[in-house]
Protein backbone atom coordinates (compact mmCIF):
# COMPACT_ATOMS: atom_id res chain seq x y z
CA UNK A 1 32.86 -17.74 8.56
CA UNK A 2 32.98 -14.22 7.37
CA UNK A 3 29.82 -12.89 5.69
CA UNK A 4 29.77 -12.49 1.90
CA UNK A 5 29.94 -8.73 1.30
CA UNK A 6 27.89 -9.17 -1.96
CA UNK A 7 24.81 -10.33 0.04
CA UNK A 8 22.78 -7.63 1.82
CA UNK A 9 22.26 -8.38 5.42
CA UNK A 10 19.12 -6.30 5.92
CA UNK A 11 16.37 -7.59 3.60
CA UNK A 12 12.86 -6.09 3.50
CA UNK A 13 9.83 -8.31 3.29
CA UNK A 14 7.70 -5.21 2.63
CA UNK A 15 9.49 -2.99 0.13
CA UNK A 16 10.47 0.55 1.18
CA UNK A 17 8.79 2.11 -1.83
CA UNK A 18 5.53 0.56 -0.70
CA UNK A 19 5.89 1.80 2.93
CA UNK A 20 6.78 5.26 1.59
CA UNK A 21 3.19 5.79 0.47
CA UNK A 22 2.27 5.79 4.20
CA UNK A 23 4.92 8.33 5.12
CA UNK A 24 4.08 11.44 7.15
CA UNK A 25 3.55 14.50 4.90
CA UNK A 26 6.59 16.35 6.27
CA UNK A 27 8.99 13.37 5.59
CA UNK A 28 7.59 11.82 2.45
CA UNK A 29 10.02 13.65 0.20
CA UNK A 30 13.04 12.95 2.45
CA UNK A 31 15.60 10.27 1.67
CA UNK A 32 14.53 8.26 4.74
CA UNK A 33 10.77 8.97 5.34
CA UNK A 34 8.97 8.12 8.56
CA UNK A 35 5.64 6.34 9.10
CA UNK A 36 3.33 5.94 12.03
CA UNK A 37 3.62 2.45 13.58
CA UNK A 38 1.07 0.91 15.97
CA UNK A 39 2.26 -1.25 18.78
CA UNK A 40 1.22 -4.91 19.00
CA UNK A 41 0.49 -4.27 22.67
CA UNK A 42 -3.10 -3.09 22.31
CA UNK A 43 -3.48 -2.08 25.97
CA UNK A 44 -0.36 0.04 26.53
CA UNK A 45 1.26 0.72 23.19
CA UNK A 46 1.13 4.16 21.73
CA UNK A 47 1.68 5.01 17.97
CA UNK A 48 5.18 6.10 17.24
CA UNK A 49 7.08 7.45 14.25
CA UNK A 50 9.58 5.01 12.74
CA UNK A 51 11.90 5.15 9.78
CA UNK A 52 10.83 2.99 6.88
CA UNK A 53 14.35 1.75 6.72
CA UNK A 54 13.82 -0.01 10.12
CA UNK A 55 10.41 -1.52 9.33
CA UNK A 56 9.44 -4.95 7.89
CA UNK A 57 13.10 -5.97 7.69
CA UNK A 58 15.07 -8.97 8.84
CA UNK A 59 18.62 -10.36 8.57
CA UNK A 60 19.23 -12.61 5.55
CA UNK A 61 15.57 -13.64 5.26
CA UNK A 62 16.08 -14.58 1.60
CA UNK A 63 19.71 -15.67 1.90
CA UNK A 64 20.02 -18.48 4.52
CA UNK A 65 23.31 -20.15 4.89
CA UNK A 66 23.76 -23.45 2.98
CA UNK A 67 25.48 -26.56 4.29
CA UNK A 68 28.95 -24.98 3.83
CA UNK A 69 28.08 -21.64 5.38
CA UNK A 70 27.61 -19.62 2.16
CA UNK A 71 24.72 -17.32 1.35
CA UNK A 72 22.96 -16.88 -2.00
CA UNK A 73 21.61 -13.52 -3.05
CA UNK A 74 19.62 -14.74 -6.05
CA UNK A 75 16.15 -14.63 -4.54
CA UNK A 76 16.73 -11.18 -2.99
CA UNK A 77 17.91 -10.05 -6.51
CA UNK A 78 14.69 -11.47 -8.11
CA UNK A 79 12.50 -9.60 -5.66
CA UNK A 80 14.53 -6.45 -6.17
CA UNK A 81 13.90 -6.78 -9.91
CA UNK A 82 10.11 -6.93 -9.29
CA UNK A 83 10.29 -3.90 -6.99
CA UNK A 84 12.22 -1.85 -9.47
CA UNK A 85 9.61 -2.40 -12.14
CA UNK A 86 6.52 -1.66 -10.08
CA UNK A 87 8.06 1.19 -8.03
CA UNK A 88 8.16 3.31 -11.20
CA UNK A 89 4.41 3.68 -11.24
CA UNK A 90 3.38 2.73 -7.73
CA UNK A 91 2.88 6.34 -6.52
CA UNK A 92 0.38 6.77 -9.33
CA UNK A 93 -1.44 3.50 -8.46
CA UNK A 94 -1.49 4.44 -4.77
CA UNK A 95 -2.82 7.99 -5.22
CA UNK A 96 -4.93 8.01 -8.34
CA UNK A 97 -7.72 6.17 -10.16
CA UNK A 98 -6.02 4.55 -13.09
CA UNK A 99 -6.80 2.00 -15.74
CA UNK A 100 -5.19 -1.17 -14.47
CA UNK A 101 -5.27 -2.84 -17.93
CA UNK A 102 -1.66 -2.06 -18.79
CA UNK A 103 -0.19 -2.92 -15.40
CA UNK A 104 -2.39 -5.75 -14.05
CA UNK A 105 0.23 -8.48 -14.84
CA UNK A 106 2.99 -6.69 -12.98
CA UNK A 107 0.57 -5.81 -10.11
CA UNK A 108 -0.46 -9.48 -9.77
CA UNK A 109 3.14 -10.59 -9.55
CA UNK A 110 3.86 -7.87 -7.01
CA UNK A 111 0.86 -8.84 -4.76
CA UNK A 112 1.70 -12.54 -5.01
CA UNK A 113 5.36 -11.87 -4.12
CA UNK A 114 4.34 -9.70 -1.08
CA UNK A 115 2.30 -12.63 0.24
CA UNK A 116 4.99 -15.38 -0.32
CA UNK A 117 7.92 -13.29 0.87
CA UNK A 118 6.33 -12.18 4.14
CA UNK A 119 8.26 -13.33 7.21
CA UNK A 120 5.00 -14.75 8.71
CA UNK A 121 5.22 -17.44 6.05
CA UNK A 122 8.54 -18.52 7.45
CA UNK A 123 7.22 -18.43 10.98
CA UNK A 124 4.22 -20.58 9.95
CA UNK A 125 6.48 -23.12 8.18
CA UNK A 126 8.68 -23.39 11.27
CA UNK A 127 5.70 -23.81 13.58
CA UNK A 128 4.19 -26.51 11.32
CA UNK A 129 7.48 -28.41 11.23
CA UNK A 130 7.82 -28.21 14.99
CA UNK A 131 4.25 -29.48 15.39
CA UNK A 132 5.01 -32.35 12.93
CA UNK A 133 8.18 -33.32 14.85
CA UNK A 134 6.33 -33.27 18.16
CA UNK A 135 3.55 -35.37 16.73
CA UNK A 136 5.91 -38.15 15.68
CA UNK A 137 5.26 -41.31 17.72
CA UNK A 138 8.78 -42.70 17.43
CA UNK A 139 10.71 -43.11 20.74
CA UNK A 140 13.43 -40.40 21.21
CA UNK A 141 16.29 -42.82 20.22
CA UNK A 142 14.45 -43.56 16.97
CA UNK A 143 13.20 -40.08 16.22
CA UNK A 144 15.23 -39.87 13.00
CA UNK A 145 14.48 -43.29 11.73
CA UNK A 146 11.34 -44.46 9.96
CA UNK A 147 10.18 -47.43 7.90
CA UNK A 148 11.71 -47.75 4.50
CA UNK A 149 8.45 -46.95 2.69
CA UNK A 150 7.11 -43.45 3.45
CA UNK A 151 4.53 -42.71 0.77
CA UNK A 152 2.16 -39.80 0.48
CA UNK A 153 -0.72 -39.52 -2.05
CA UNK A 154 -1.53 -36.08 -3.38
CA UNK A 155 -4.55 -36.22 -5.73
CA UNK A 156 -3.68 -38.89 -8.25
CA UNK A 157 0.05 -38.69 -7.58
CA UNK A 158 2.07 -40.94 -5.35
CA UNK A 159 5.14 -39.46 -3.72
CA UNK A 160 7.87 -41.53 -2.04
CA UNK A 161 9.89 -39.64 0.57
CA UNK A 162 13.64 -39.94 0.31
CA UNK A 163 14.96 -41.20 3.68
CA UNK A 164 17.83 -38.72 3.82
CA UNK A 165 15.59 -35.76 2.99
CA UNK A 166 13.05 -36.94 5.59
CA UNK A 167 15.68 -37.23 8.30
CA UNK A 168 16.96 -33.78 7.49
CA UNK A 169 13.41 -32.42 7.78
CA UNK A 170 12.92 -34.04 11.18
CA UNK A 171 16.28 -32.91 12.61
CA UNK A 172 15.61 -29.77 14.65
CA UNK A 173 19.28 -28.81 14.45
CA UNK A 174 18.88 -28.14 10.71
CA UNK A 175 16.79 -25.04 9.75
CA UNK A 176 15.64 -26.67 6.49
CA UNK A 177 12.43 -24.62 6.57
CA UNK A 178 14.32 -21.39 5.81
CA UNK A 179 15.50 -22.88 2.54
CA UNK A 180 11.96 -24.17 1.87
CA UNK A 181 10.61 -20.72 2.51
CA UNK A 182 13.03 -19.05 0.06
CA UNK A 183 12.29 -21.73 -2.61
CA UNK A 184 8.49 -21.23 -2.09
CA UNK A 185 8.73 -17.66 -3.34
CA UNK A 186 9.48 -19.12 -6.75
CA UNK A 187 5.79 -20.08 -7.02
CA UNK A 188 4.93 -16.38 -7.34
CA UNK A 189 3.79 -16.73 -11.04
CA UNK A 190 1.44 -19.64 -10.06
CA UNK A 191 -0.11 -17.53 -7.26
CA UNK A 192 -0.33 -14.56 -9.55
CA UNK A 193 -2.41 -16.61 -12.05
CA UNK A 194 -4.72 -17.66 -9.22
CA UNK A 195 -5.57 -14.03 -8.76
CA UNK A 196 -7.40 -14.26 -12.06
CA UNK A 197 -4.63 -12.93 -14.33
CA UNK A 198 -3.93 -15.06 -17.38
CA UNK A 199 -0.66 -14.43 -19.14
CA UNK A 200 2.27 -16.14 -20.76
CA UNK A 201 5.69 -17.03 -19.52
CA UNK A 202 7.00 -14.80 -16.72
CA UNK A 203 10.66 -13.87 -16.63
CA UNK A 204 10.80 -12.47 -13.10
CA UNK A 205 10.73 -15.48 -10.81
CA UNK A 206 12.71 -18.61 -11.49
CA UNK A 207 13.89 -21.32 -9.06
CA UNK A 208 16.35 -19.89 -6.58
CA UNK A 209 19.58 -21.44 -5.33
CA UNK A 210 19.11 -25.04 -6.47
């Protein structure tokens, strides 16, 4: 189907305003600054200058297609809201010694969101799912069937897995991990609290496309 024009295709998992603080002196004030990028090939790669527009970006990382082929821009909008707030004083934080007392809540949210939104989290989820599928002991013809009672115990809670959801998770044809990744970013407030910041209700991150 045709892509929804309201959803941005190129979505950054490291914000451009953050990357800009690493820009070369001659380009930092340009509309599209450049940064030095090191190659992953430690033996042969040489540092090279790259536009921040082209770095730490992927297609629709926060807007996977749903079951009817539509994309949701809500999580990308939430992250943009966080970025807009902290980008106003990020140059000061990055270049000066400041009193963090007035900005520590927003800083905690930003750091937590950087961790959860990173594309490596999506890669790790996909790898874990593939490992789980490969570890299943069912014969191939029964790969997507399981006994009626699948129960997990987490601490003092007992969780019964819905058969339909479990089958969808096991089916390699469905990229359910992408949706799980996007929804996991909604736990930004909880992770921010674990950084040692205690504060009341946060308005920035809510559940995404539920």
